[in-house]
Amino acid sequence: MSERLLCRALLRDNAGRPPVWFMRQAGRYHRHYQRLRSQHEFMQLCKQPQLAAQVTLGPIEDFGFDAAILFSDLLFPLEALGMGLRYAPGPLLDWHLSDRADLARLRGGAERAQQLAFQAEALALLRHRLPEECALIGFVGGPFTLYAYAVAGSHEGFAAGGPAGLHDGLYAGFNERLRELLAANMAMQAEAGADCVAIFDTAAGTLGPRQFAQLAAAPVAEVVRLFRARCPDTPVIYYSRDTGPAHWAALRAADVQCLGVDWRHDLAETLRVQGERWSVQGNIDPQWLLLSAAQLESRLRALFGRLLDEPRALRAGWVCGLGHGVLQQTPEDNVKLVLRVQREMFG
């Protein structure tokens, strides 16, 4: 077993300080990223492995997180399927799915993962350059979230417009073409050096529990099953904002090791109820990091203090982080403050 804190926590076997990493820890709030972005287009930062590695390393060097997550974008599998992709400045596909006839335009299959080899190259560079004790995370988008973008161009627009195409076979046909590509993408990342792979499924939080089971959890379980053929032991993290216990029950059939939870849930209670099945990642409110340093520290000490009042074994599977990504306006000093207080209190 790896001695990296994140790896031990994902297996619910961490007796030391809980590991810390943040979603979007390499992003627009960070001066390191801003400098690189002023010199390069976003697509260059993602697709040139040296640049992607440089962006990813920034928060490790500046803040000392326990894990690095590949700097990339979850929509690249849609580009590999043949939908095109550009940023102006947000993501724009060349075309969107509107009916079953469009499925013929998608080029699916595991071999299409080679279109994403730049991610594997960046991960290999990172594994070589990261401190040995620092874990490395790869990621993909969840099938339902990728479908939302394929249909509506964003998960917000998809939620407002309703689940178009879900009952006429369009979503099923999309998944038939996506799942082997997505599983191969995950495997390629793991084989290049990622200690674990996260599945980010933001749009799935727009679904009620019954729809979530059918439309989000079942496709994820199938992708992970295919992934396991190549990577039987690599942990998988699943995160979807705006979900809760009624949704998570459907994920028990999936071979997922870690459940990412948002800030709406009591963390100690989630660890008590869900910790027998999963490690749990989260769930500081990202808005807290916009507060004054004194307010932020007070809230952190209260949250961490409640966890310290619980039996130590409850924290063996806890991955400390935010309930969503770092907000663009976040002061860097507040990021440093979270890590300082966490290390001080959990030793």
Protein backbone atom coordinates (compact mmCIF):
# COMPACT_ATOMS: atom_id res chain seq x y z
CA MET A 1 0.00 0.00 0.00
CA SER A 2 1.26 3.50 -0.83
CA GLU A 3 2.26 5.62 2.16
CA ARG A 4 0.82 8.74 0.53
CA LEU A 5 -1.83 10.17 2.84
CA LEU A 6 -4.46 10.37 0.12
CA CYS A 7 -3.96 6.75 -0.91
CA ARG A 8 -4.32 5.55 2.67
CA ALA A 9 -7.43 7.67 3.24
CA LEU A 10 -9.08 6.38 0.07
CA LEU A 11 -8.68 2.87 1.47
CA ARG A 12 -10.05 4.07 4.86
CA ASP A 13 -6.77 3.10 6.51
CA ASN A 14 -5.18 6.45 7.35
CA ALA A 15 -4.01 6.72 10.94
CA GLY A 16 -2.26 10.05 10.43
CA ARG A 17 -3.30 13.57 9.54
CA PRO A 18 -6.12 13.61 6.96
CA PRO A 19 -4.88 14.59 3.48
CA VAL A 20 -5.91 17.93 1.95
CA TRP A 21 -6.57 18.86 -1.66
CA PHE A 22 -9.06 21.22 -3.28
CA MET A 23 -11.05 20.90 -6.46
CA ARG A 24 -9.85 23.66 -8.83
CA GLN A 25 -6.78 24.21 -6.68
CA ALA A 26 -4.88 25.04 -9.90
CA GLY A 27 -7.08 27.79 -11.27
CA ARG A 28 -7.93 31.43 -11.77
CA TYR A 29 -7.54 32.57 -8.15
CA HIS A 30 -3.84 31.61 -8.23
CA ARG A 31 -1.19 34.07 -9.41
CA HIS A 32 0.89 31.17 -10.74
CA TYR A 33 -1.97 30.24 -13.08
CA GLN A 34 -2.67 33.87 -13.99
CA ARG A 35 0.94 34.37 -15.13
CA LEU A 36 0.83 31.31 -17.35
CA ARG A 37 -2.62 32.16 -18.69
CA SER A 38 -1.42 35.64 -19.68
CA GLN A 39 1.12 33.96 -21.98
CA HIS A 40 -0.84 30.99 -23.31
CA GLU A 41 -4.33 30.11 -24.51
CA PHE A 42 -6.37 27.83 -22.23
CA MET A 43 -6.22 24.98 -24.76
CA GLN A 44 -2.43 25.24 -24.82
CA LEU A 45 -2.27 25.00 -21.04
CA CYS A 46 -4.31 21.79 -21.20
CA LYS A 47 -2.85 20.13 -24.28
CA GLN A 48 0.84 20.91 -23.99
CA PRO A 49 2.03 18.42 -21.35
CA GLN A 50 4.84 20.62 -20.04
CA LEU A 51 2.43 23.51 -19.51
CA ALA A 52 -0.29 21.32 -17.98
CA ALA A 53 2.29 19.92 -15.56
CA GLN A 54 3.51 23.43 -14.73
CA VAL A 55 -0.02 24.63 -13.88
CA THR A 56 -0.69 21.49 -11.82
CA LEU A 57 2.52 21.88 -9.83
CA GLY A 58 1.86 25.51 -8.85
CA PRO A 59 -0.43 24.85 -5.86
CA ILE A 60 1.82 22.06 -4.61
CA GLU A 61 4.86 24.35 -4.62
CA ASP A 62 3.03 27.40 -3.23
CA PHE A 63 0.64 25.82 -0.71
CA GLY A 64 1.82 22.25 -0.05
CA PHE A 65 -1.35 20.29 -0.80
CA ASP A 66 -1.12 16.55 -0.20
CA ALA A 67 -2.34 15.75 -3.71
CA ALA A 68 -2.06 17.30 -7.16
CA ILE A 69 -4.88 17.01 -9.66
CA LEU A 70 -4.15 17.11 -13.37
CA PHE A 71 -4.91 20.48 -14.94
CA SER A 72 -7.21 19.67 -17.84
CA ASP A 73 -10.86 19.92 -18.82
CA LEU A 74 -13.63 17.35 -18.51
CA LEU A 75 -14.97 18.07 -22.03
CA PHE A 76 -12.04 16.65 -24.00
CA PRO A 77 -13.78 13.26 -24.42
CA LEU A 78 -16.49 15.09 -26.39
CA GLU A 79 -13.81 16.43 -28.70
CA ALA A 80 -12.47 12.88 -29.07
CA LEU A 81 -15.98 11.74 -30.02
CA GLY A 82 -15.89 14.20 -32.91
CA MET A 83 -17.87 17.14 -31.51
CA GLY A 84 -15.04 19.67 -31.73
CA LEU A 85 -14.10 21.97 -28.86
CA ARG A 86 -12.84 25.52 -28.47
CA TYR A 87 -12.85 28.14 -25.71
CA ALA A 88 -14.05 31.70 -26.25
CA PRO A 89 -13.50 32.04 -23.30
CA GLY A 90 -15.88 29.31 -22.12
CA PRO A 91 -16.26 25.93 -23.86
CA LEU A 92 -18.00 25.80 -27.23
CA LEU A 93 -18.70 22.59 -29.18
CA ASP A 94 -18.90 22.63 -32.97
CA TRP A 95 -22.33 21.01 -32.84
CA HIS A 96 -24.82 19.53 -30.35
CA LEU A 97 -26.83 16.35 -30.19
CA SER A 98 -30.46 16.96 -31.08
CA ASP A 99 -31.82 13.61 -32.34
CA ARG A 100 -30.81 10.01 -32.92
CA ALA A 101 -29.52 10.77 -36.42
CA ASP A 102 -26.71 12.76 -34.77
CA LEU A 103 -25.37 9.61 -33.12
CA ALA A 104 -23.88 8.52 -36.45
CA ARG A 105 -21.57 11.52 -36.27
CA LEU A 106 -19.98 10.32 -33.01
CA ARG A 107 -16.75 8.33 -33.25
CA GLY A 108 -16.68 6.20 -30.11
CA GLY A 109 -14.65 3.29 -28.83
CA ALA A 110 -11.62 2.75 -26.62
CA GLU A 111 -9.21 3.59 -29.42
CA ARG A 112 -10.43 7.21 -29.40
CA ALA A 113 -8.73 7.63 -26.01
CA GLN A 114 -5.49 8.08 -27.92
CA GLN A 115 -6.81 11.53 -28.78
CA LEU A 116 -6.31 12.28 -25.07
CA ALA A 117 -2.71 11.07 -24.82
CA PHE A 118 -1.62 14.59 -23.85
CA GLN A 119 -3.19 13.95 -20.43
CA ALA A 120 -1.13 10.81 -19.93
CA GLU A 121 2.04 12.63 -20.97
CA ALA A 122 1.36 15.40 -18.44
CA LEU A 123 0.68 12.86 -15.68
CA ALA A 124 3.93 11.03 -16.42
CA LEU A 125 5.83 14.32 -16.16
CA LEU A 126 4.06 15.12 -12.91
CA ARG A 127 4.78 11.78 -11.31
CA HIS A 128 8.45 12.37 -12.04
CA ARG A 129 8.44 15.94 -10.70
CA LEU A 130 6.11 15.72 -7.70
CA PRO A 131 7.44 15.05 -4.21
CA GLU A 132 7.25 11.33 -3.48
CA GLU A 133 4.73 11.85 -0.68
CA CYS A 134 2.35 13.84 -2.89
CA ALA A 135 -0.48 11.87 -4.50
CA LEU A 136 -1.55 12.46 -8.10
CA ILE A 137 -5.18 12.55 -9.23
CA GLY A 138 -6.57 12.11 -12.74
CA PHE A 139 -10.17 12.87 -13.66
CA VAL A 140 -12.98 12.58 -16.19
CA GLY A 141 -16.50 13.95 -16.44
CA GLY A 142 -19.42 11.70 -15.57
CA PRO A 143 -21.51 10.35 -18.47
CA PHE A 144 -24.60 12.34 -17.54
CA THR A 145 -22.64 15.58 -17.26
CA LEU A 146 -20.93 15.01 -20.60
CA TYR A 147 -24.33 14.33 -22.14
CA ALA A 148 -25.65 17.61 -20.72
CA TYR A 149 -22.86 19.49 -22.46
CA ALA A 150 -23.31 17.47 -25.66
CA VAL A 151 -27.00 18.42 -25.80
CA ALA A 152 -27.13 21.91 -24.30
CA GLY A 153 -23.57 23.23 -24.19
CA SER A 154 -23.58 23.48 -20.40
CA HIS A 155 -25.10 21.66 -17.46
CA GLU A 156 -26.99 24.82 -16.45
CA GLY A 157 -28.78 25.07 -19.76
CA PHE A 158 -29.51 21.39 -19.73
CA ALA A 159 -31.07 21.56 -16.27
CA ALA A 160 -33.28 24.47 -17.31
CA GLY A 161 -34.37 22.74 -20.50
CA GLY A 162 -35.15 19.38 -18.95
CA PRO A 163 -33.73 15.93 -19.75
CA ALA A 164 -34.11 16.09 -23.54
CA GLY A 165 -33.49 12.86 -25.35
CA LEU A 166 -33.48 10.67 -22.29
CA HIS A 167 -36.50 8.63 -23.33
CA ASP A 168 -36.07 8.38 -27.11
CA GLY A 169 -32.76 6.52 -27.05
CA LEU A 170 -30.47 9.50 -27.59
CA TYR A 171 -28.82 9.23 -24.17
CA ALA A 172 -28.50 5.44 -24.45
CA GLY A 173 -26.88 5.79 -27.87
CA PHE A 174 -24.53 8.47 -26.58
CA ASN A 175 -23.44 6.21 -23.70
CA GLU A 176 -22.82 3.29 -26.05
CA ARG A 177 -20.27 5.43 -27.87
CA LEU A 178 -18.83 7.12 -24.79
CA ARG A 179 -18.35 4.43 -22.14
CA GLU A 180 -15.40 2.54 -23.66
CA LEU A 181 -13.66 5.82 -24.52
CA LEU A 182 -14.18 7.12 -20.99
CA ALA A 183 -13.00 3.90 -19.34
CA ALA A 184 -9.91 3.82 -21.57
CA ASN A 185 -9.24 7.49 -20.76
CA MET A 186 -9.35 6.67 -17.04
CA ALA A 187 -7.08 3.67 -17.51
CA MET A 188 -4.59 5.67 -19.55
CA GLN A 189 -4.39 8.25 -16.77
CA ALA A 190 -3.89 5.60 -14.09
CA GLU A 191 -1.25 3.79 -16.11
CA ALA A 192 0.60 7.09 -16.63
CA GLY A 193 0.95 7.62 -12.88
CA ALA A 194 -2.35 8.78 -11.37
CA ASP A 195 -2.88 7.24 -7.92
CA CYS A 196 -6.64 7.58 -8.32
CA VAL A 197 -9.17 8.91 -10.82
CA ALA A 198 -12.03 11.26 -9.98
CA ILE A 199 -15.36 11.31 -11.79
CA PHE A 200 -16.93 14.76 -11.67
CA ASP A 201 -20.65 14.60 -12.41
CA THR A 202 -21.90 18.13 -11.72
CA ALA A 203 -25.08 17.88 -13.79
CA ALA A 204 -26.23 14.74 -11.97
CA GLY A 205 -27.24 16.91 -9.02
CA THR A 206 -30.16 18.21 -11.08
CA LEU A 207 -31.74 14.73 -10.94
CA GLY A 208 -34.04 13.33 -8.30
CA PRO A 209 -32.92 10.11 -6.59
CA ARG A 210 -34.84 7.78 -8.91
CA GLN A 211 -33.58 9.47 -12.07
CA PHE A 212 -30.09 9.65 -10.58
CA ALA A 213 -30.04 5.88 -10.11
CA GLN A 214 -30.95 5.24 -13.73
CA LEU A 215 -29.24 8.10 -15.55
CA ALA A 216 -26.13 8.83 -13.49
CA ALA A 217 -25.24 5.94 -11.17
CA ALA A 218 -25.88 3.10 -13.65
CA PRO A 219 -23.71 4.60 -16.45
CA VAL A 220 -20.94 5.36 -13.94
CA ALA A 221 -21.03 1.76 -12.69
CA GLU A 222 -20.65 0.52 -16.27
CA VAL A 223 -17.72 2.83 -17.03
CA VAL A 224 -15.95 1.81 -13.82
CA ARG A 225 -16.58 -1.88 -14.62
CA LEU A 226 -14.79 -1.44 -17.95
CA PHE A 227 -12.02 0.55 -16.26
CA ARG A 228 -11.45 -2.28 -13.78
CA ALA A 229 -10.49 -4.65 -16.62
CA ARG A 230 -7.25 -2.68 -16.96
CA CYS A 231 -6.88 -1.11 -13.50
CA PRO A 232 -8.37 -3.43 -10.89
CA ASP A 233 -6.89 -1.65 -7.87
CA THR A 234 -6.94 2.08 -8.71
CA PRO A 235 -9.34 3.96 -6.40
CA VAL A 236 -12.15 6.01 -7.95
CA ILE A 237 -13.62 9.20 -6.45
CA TYR A 238 -17.17 10.19 -7.40
CA TYR A 239 -18.41 13.73 -6.85
CA SER A 240 -21.68 15.41 -7.71
CA ARG A 241 -22.87 18.61 -6.10
CA ASP A 242 -26.48 18.84 -4.83
CA THR A 243 -26.84 15.12 -4.13
CA GLY A 244 -27.52 13.43 -0.81
CA PRO A 245 -28.04 10.06 0.89
CA ALA A 246 -31.05 9.16 -1.25
CA HIS A 247 -28.87 9.58 -4.35
CA TRP A 248 -25.77 7.96 -2.91
CA ALA A 249 -27.60 4.71 -2.19
CA ALA A 250 -27.67 4.05 -5.94
CA LEU A 251 -23.87 4.29 -6.11
CA ARG A 252 -23.42 1.29 -3.84
CA ALA A 253 -23.52 -0.95 -6.89
CA ALA A 254 -20.62 0.94 -8.47
CA ASP A 255 -17.01 0.07 -7.69
CA VAL A 256 -16.31 3.54 -6.33
CA GLN A 257 -14.10 4.01 -3.27
CA CYS A 258 -14.61 7.66 -2.33
CA LEU A 259 -17.72 9.82 -2.14
CA GLY A 260 -17.26 13.55 -2.61
CA VAL A 261 -19.88 15.57 -0.71
CA ASP A 262 -20.78 19.24 -0.88
CA TRP A 263 -20.97 21.75 1.98
CA ARG A 264 -24.69 21.19 2.62
CA HIS A 265 -24.04 18.02 4.64
CA ASP A 266 -22.82 17.67 8.20
CA LEU A 267 -19.39 16.12 7.76
CA ALA A 268 -19.22 14.13 10.99
CA GLU A 269 -22.67 12.67 10.39
CA THR A 270 -21.76 11.78 6.80
CA LEU A 271 -18.62 10.01 7.98
CA ARG A 272 -20.61 8.09 10.59
CA VAL A 273 -23.35 6.98 8.17
CA GLN A 274 -21.42 6.58 4.91
CA GLY A 275 -17.95 5.73 6.19
CA GLU A 276 -18.57 2.00 6.36
CA ARG A 277 -18.87 1.94 2.57
CA TRP A 278 -16.77 4.82 1.29
CA SER A 279 -14.04 7.21 2.16
CA VAL A 280 -15.58 10.69 2.24
CA GLN A 281 -14.14 13.81 0.60
CA GLY A 282 -15.15 17.33 1.59
CA ASN A 283 -16.69 19.57 2.56
CA ILE A 284 -15.67 23.11 3.59
CA ASP A 285 -17.96 25.71 2.05
CA PRO A 286 -15.94 27.47 -0.72
CA GLN A 287 -17.65 30.72 0.28
CA TRP A 288 -15.87 30.57 3.64
CA LEU A 289 -12.60 31.29 1.86
CA LEU A 290 -13.98 34.70 0.86
CA LEU A 291 -14.35 35.73 4.53
CA SER A 292 -11.84 37.65 6.60
CA ALA A 293 -8.97 35.58 7.95
CA ALA A 294 -10.37 35.78 11.49
CA GLN A 295 -13.85 34.63 10.42
CA LEU A 296 -12.43 31.81 8.31
CA GLU A 297 -10.17 30.56 11.08
CA SER A 298 -13.04 30.62 13.58
CA ARG A 299 -15.25 28.51 11.33
CA LEU A 300 -12.46 26.08 10.48
CA ARG A 301 -11.60 25.53 14.14
CA ALA A 302 -15.25 24.86 14.93
CA LEU A 303 -15.59 22.35 12.07
CA PHE A 304 -12.31 20.59 12.76
CA GLY A 305 -12.99 20.62 16.49
CA ARG A 306 -16.22 18.69 16.00
CA LEU A 307 -14.32 16.06 14.03
CA LEU A 308 -11.63 15.84 16.70
CA ASP A 309 -14.36 15.11 19.25
CA GLU A 310 -15.26 11.99 17.26
CA PRO A 311 -13.36 8.68 17.52
CA ARG A 312 -10.10 8.78 15.58
CA ALA A 313 -11.21 5.83 13.46
CA LEU A 314 -13.97 7.96 11.99
CA ARG A 315 -11.31 10.07 10.24
CA ALA A 316 -9.42 7.13 8.73
CA GLY A 317 -11.31 7.62 5.47
CA TRP A 318 -11.66 11.41 5.44
CA VAL A 319 -10.14 13.48 2.64
CA CYS A 320 -10.20 17.13 3.71
CA GLY A 321 -11.28 19.56 1.02
CA LEU A 322 -13.96 21.90 -0.23
CA GLY A 323 -17.56 21.05 -1.01
CA HIS A 324 -16.90 22.34 -4.55
CA GLY A 325 -14.09 24.14 -6.35
CA VAL A 326 -12.01 27.12 -5.25
CA LEU A 327 -13.82 30.32 -6.22
CA GLN A 328 -12.05 32.75 -8.53
CA GLN A 329 -12.07 35.60 -5.97
CA THR A 330 -10.45 33.51 -3.21
CA PRO A 331 -7.40 35.17 -1.59
CA GLU A 332 -4.32 32.99 -1.67
CA ASP A 333 -3.67 33.78 1.99
CA ASN A 334 -6.96 32.09 2.89
CA VAL A 335 -5.90 28.93 1.06
CA LYS A 336 -2.69 28.96 3.10
CA LEU A 337 -4.75 29.52 6.25
CA VAL A 338 -6.87 26.42 5.69
CA LEU A 339 -3.80 24.23 5.31
CA ARG A 340 -2.05 25.80 8.30
CA VAL A 341 -5.02 25.34 10.65
CA GLN A 342 -5.68 21.80 9.40
CA ARG A 343 -2.07 20.75 9.95
CA GLU A 344 -1.96 22.40 13.37
CA MET A 345 -5.16 20.77 14.62
CA PHE A 346 -4.72 17.29 13.16
CA GLY A 347 -0.94 17.13 13.53
